[in-house]
Amino acid sequence: MKTLVLAAMILVVPFSLVAQPPAGWKVRYDRAGTDTAQLSFESMAPGWHITTGPSVILWDPARTASGRFRLEAEIFFFRKGSRDTEAYGLLLAGRNLDRDDLEYLYFLVRNDGKFLVKHRQRAETHSITDWTAHPSIARHTAASSGATVKNVLAVAAGEDSVRMFVNGQQVSAYPATVMKVDGVVGLRVNHNLNLHVSRLELTK
């Protein structure tokens, strides 16, 4: 198996630039005309640190997945500067991400212990699996020690199925005949979150 680590590489935002971005990456906000100063996305070994105002998708167009693959991200959620009901996670099956006819899937978790799988095409979205609680999702609570909690999200695309995992436990699965996941991979980060993504790996 060949492992591709999505290395920090200029973040290009359509129509505007974000200061000091990782090279090779692009950003798209959910809403046009968003103030780019509300996003911080920078290389911070290991990986990248991300703080958002509005929601964004982040991707390197050179990184695509097809056929059988595993996409995995290790993400640290910082309670300070974050909202518990805002979500973060993986983007996959991306197409035309910098155009009006964009399309992608996303697999997200949030700090209330729930996950979501959703599809976007142009401006329309629909839930594949709506918000669902799962005990494998790590939560930062008032009783938690430390500033952060870690969640590892993974998508395994096989010949017959597409399976999704949080911290090594399967949370959902779909027939490969109906869940099309080939395309650009990356990250989705919703409103007002403070995260560190220590790794984003694509294994073929």
Protein backbone atom coordinates (compact mmCIF):
# COMPACT_ATOMS: atom_id res chain seq x y z
CA MET A 1 0.00 0.00 0.00
CA LYS A 2 1.17 3.49 -0.80
CA THR A 3 0.62 6.24 1.75
CA LEU A 4 0.32 9.87 0.69
CA VAL A 5 0.55 12.40 3.52
CA LEU A 6 -1.16 15.62 2.60
CA ALA A 7 1.80 17.87 3.22
CA ALA A 8 1.45 21.52 4.08
CA MET A 9 1.85 23.31 0.80
CA ILE A 10 -0.17 28.63 -0.97
CA LEU A 11 -3.65 28.62 0.09
CA VAL A 12 -5.59 30.28 -2.70
CA VAL A 13 -8.98 31.76 -2.02
CA PRO A 14 -11.09 32.60 -5.05
CA PHE A 15 -11.11 36.39 -5.49
CA SER A 16 -9.04 37.06 -2.33
CA LEU A 17 -6.05 35.84 -0.35
CA VAL A 18 -5.67 34.62 3.22
CA ALA A 19 -2.50 35.81 4.93
CA GLN A 20 0.30 33.27 5.52
CA PRO A 21 -1.48 30.14 4.28
CA PRO A 22 0.03 26.69 3.73
CA ALA A 23 1.26 26.34 0.16
CA GLY A 24 -0.79 24.34 -2.33
CA TRP A 25 -4.11 24.59 -0.53
CA LYS A 26 -7.31 26.32 -1.60
CA VAL A 27 -10.19 27.65 0.49
CA ARG A 28 -13.83 28.21 -0.30
CA TYR A 29 -16.30 29.87 2.05
CA ASP A 30 -19.95 28.81 2.17
CA ARG A 31 -20.98 32.38 1.43
CA ALA A 32 -19.51 34.68 -1.19
CA GLY A 33 -18.09 37.99 -0.01
CA THR A 34 -16.91 36.62 3.35
CA ASP A 35 -14.24 38.62 5.16
CA THR A 36 -11.11 36.46 4.75
CA ALA A 37 -9.53 38.02 7.85
CA GLN A 38 -11.84 35.78 9.91
CA LEU A 39 -9.87 32.68 8.90
CA SER A 40 -6.49 31.58 10.22
CA PHE A 41 -5.04 28.56 8.41
CA GLU A 42 -1.33 28.00 8.88
CA SER A 43 1.30 25.30 8.96
CA MET A 44 2.18 24.30 12.51
CA ALA A 45 4.19 21.12 12.83
CA PRO A 46 2.89 18.54 12.92
CA GLY A 47 0.14 19.59 10.55
CA TRP A 48 -1.97 22.73 10.46
CA HIS A 49 -3.80 24.99 12.90
CA ILE A 50 -7.18 26.31 11.82
CA THR A 51 -9.49 28.87 13.42
CA THR A 52 -12.64 29.96 11.63
CA GLY A 53 -15.26 32.63 11.65
CA PRO A 54 -17.50 31.47 8.80
CA SER A 55 -17.53 27.88 7.48
CA VAL A 56 -14.92 26.81 4.94
CA ILE A 57 -13.73 23.89 2.88
CA LEU A 58 -9.96 23.38 2.52
CA TRP A 59 -8.32 21.26 -0.16
CA ASP A 60 -5.21 20.64 -2.22
CA PRO A 61 -6.41 19.97 -5.80
CA ALA A 62 -3.47 17.65 -6.45
CA ARG A 63 -4.79 15.19 -3.85
CA THR A 64 -7.51 12.94 -5.20
CA ALA A 65 -8.82 9.50 -4.27
CA SER A 66 -10.39 6.78 -6.40
CA GLY A 67 -11.20 3.10 -6.21
CA ARG A 68 -10.08 1.49 -2.98
CA PHE A 69 -8.58 3.94 -0.49
CA ARG A 70 -8.52 5.08 3.12
CA LEU A 71 -8.67 8.74 4.11
CA GLU A 72 -7.85 9.55 7.74
CA ALA A 73 -7.43 12.73 9.77
CA GLU A 74 -6.30 13.27 13.35
CA ILE A 75 -7.99 16.43 14.65
CA PHE A 76 -7.71 18.17 18.02
CA PHE A 77 -10.68 20.25 19.15
CA PHE A 78 -9.87 23.18 21.44
CA ARG A 79 -12.78 24.12 23.69
CA LYS A 80 -11.52 27.69 24.01
CA GLY A 81 -12.61 29.60 20.95
CA SER A 82 -14.99 26.88 19.71
CA ARG A 83 -18.71 26.16 19.69
CA ASP A 84 -19.86 22.70 20.77
CA THR A 85 -22.56 22.59 18.11
CA GLU A 86 -20.26 23.39 15.19
CA ALA A 87 -18.74 20.51 13.25
CA TYR A 88 -15.48 19.57 11.56
CA GLY A 89 -14.08 16.69 9.57
CA LEU A 90 -13.38 15.19 6.16
CA LEU A 91 -14.30 16.32 2.68
CA LEU A 92 -14.27 13.75 -0.13
CA ALA A 93 -15.65 13.15 -3.64
CA GLY A 94 -14.86 16.77 -4.42
CA ARG A 95 -15.50 18.07 -7.94
CA ASN A 96 -15.28 21.61 -9.34
CA LEU A 97 -14.70 22.98 -5.85
CA ASP A 98 -13.78 26.45 -7.09
CA ARG A 99 -16.73 26.70 -9.49
CA ASP A 100 -20.48 27.27 -9.19
CA ASP A 101 -21.19 23.63 -10.06
CA LEU A 102 -19.20 22.24 -7.13
CA GLU A 103 -20.02 18.91 -5.52
CA TYR A 104 -18.65 17.06 -2.49
CA LEU A 105 -19.44 14.76 0.42
CA TYR A 106 -18.55 15.52 4.02
CA PHE A 107 -18.21 13.45 7.17
CA LEU A 108 -18.20 15.58 10.32
CA VAL A 109 -18.26 15.29 14.10
CA ARG A 110 -19.03 17.86 16.77
CA ASN A 111 -18.41 18.24 20.48
CA ASP A 112 -21.87 17.10 21.52
CA GLY A 113 -20.87 13.56 20.50
CA LYS A 114 -22.71 13.41 17.17
CA PHE A 115 -21.65 12.80 13.56
CA LEU A 116 -23.12 13.70 10.17
CA VAL A 117 -22.69 12.54 6.58
CA LYS A 118 -23.93 14.99 3.97
CA HIS A 119 -23.79 15.75 0.25
CA ARG A 120 -23.56 19.15 -1.41
CA GLN A 121 -24.22 19.90 -5.07
CA ARG A 122 -24.13 23.54 -6.12
CA ALA A 123 -26.03 25.43 -3.38
CA GLU A 124 -28.16 22.44 -2.37
CA THR A 125 -27.34 20.01 0.46
CA HIS A 126 -28.97 16.84 1.68
CA SER A 127 -28.26 14.59 4.64
CA ILE A 128 -27.19 11.01 4.01
CA THR A 129 -26.99 10.32 7.75
CA ASP A 130 -28.41 13.12 9.87
CA TRP A 131 -26.88 14.06 13.22
CA THR A 132 -26.46 10.81 15.15
CA ALA A 133 -24.89 10.24 18.57
CA HIS A 134 -22.08 7.70 18.87
CA PRO A 135 -20.03 6.80 21.97
CA SER A 136 -16.75 6.67 20.02
CA ILE A 137 -16.71 10.45 19.54
CA ALA A 138 -14.46 12.13 22.10
CA ARG A 139 -16.02 15.15 23.80
CA HIS A 140 -14.47 18.01 25.72
CA THR A 141 -16.70 18.65 28.72
CA ALA A 142 -16.51 20.80 31.82
CA ALA A 143 -15.00 17.81 33.59
CA SER A 144 -12.37 17.18 30.89
CA SER A 145 -8.75 17.79 31.73
CA GLY A 146 -6.54 19.71 29.35
CA ALA A 147 -7.32 22.21 26.66
CA THR A 148 -8.25 19.82 23.89
CA VAL A 149 -9.64 16.43 22.84
CA LYS A 150 -8.64 14.31 19.85
CA ASN A 151 -10.85 12.60 17.29
CA VAL A 152 -9.53 10.45 14.43
CA LEU A 153 -11.93 10.35 11.49
CA ALA A 154 -11.52 7.83 8.67
CA VAL A 155 -13.29 6.78 5.49
CA ALA A 156 -12.48 3.37 3.99
CA ALA A 157 -13.65 2.90 0.41
CA GLY A 158 -13.74 -0.74 -0.65
CA GLU A 159 -15.06 -2.75 -3.56
CA ASP A 160 -18.50 -3.27 -2.00
CA SER A 161 -18.87 -0.63 0.71
CA VAL A 162 -17.83 2.75 2.05
CA ARG A 163 -17.29 2.67 5.81
CA MET A 164 -16.78 5.59 8.18
CA PHE A 165 -14.96 5.45 11.50
CA VAL A 166 -14.32 7.63 14.54
CA ASN A 167 -11.44 6.65 16.80
CA GLY A 168 -11.25 3.18 15.28
CA GLN A 169 -14.95 2.34 15.64
CA GLN A 170 -17.25 2.10 12.65
CA VAL A 171 -20.09 4.61 12.88
CA SER A 172 -21.74 4.08 9.49
CA ALA A 173 -21.50 2.11 6.25
CA TYR A 174 -23.01 2.44 2.78
CA PRO A 175 -23.09 0.29 -0.37
CA ALA A 176 -20.42 1.37 -2.84
CA THR A 177 -23.06 1.29 -5.57
CA VAL A 178 -24.85 4.28 -4.03
CA MET A 179 -22.04 6.11 -2.22
CA LYS A 180 -19.71 7.55 -4.87
CA VAL A 181 -16.54 8.82 -3.20
CA ASP A 182 -13.99 9.31 -6.00
CA GLY A 183 -12.64 12.86 -6.22
CA VAL A 184 -10.68 15.53 -4.39
CA VAL A 185 -10.20 15.08 -0.63
CA GLY A 186 -9.70 17.67 2.08
CA LEU A 187 -11.26 19.20 5.17
CA ARG A 188 -14.47 20.96 6.12
CA VAL A 189 -14.53 23.28 9.14
CA ASN A 190 -17.74 24.99 10.24
CA HIS A 191 -18.27 28.29 12.04
CA ASN A 192 -16.24 29.49 15.02
CA LEU A 193 -13.91 26.56 15.60
CA ASN A 194 -10.37 26.28 16.93
CA LEU A 195 -8.69 23.09 15.66
CA HIS A 196 -5.33 21.48 15.07
CA VAL A 197 -5.11 18.89 12.29
CA SER A 198 -1.97 16.91 13.06
CA ARG A 199 -2.24 14.65 10.01
CA LEU A 200 -4.35 14.05 6.94
CA GLU A 201 -3.40 10.83 5.17
CA LEU A 202 -4.59 9.17 2.00
CA THR A 203 -3.67 5.50 1.69
CA LYS A 204 -4.19 3.66 -1.60
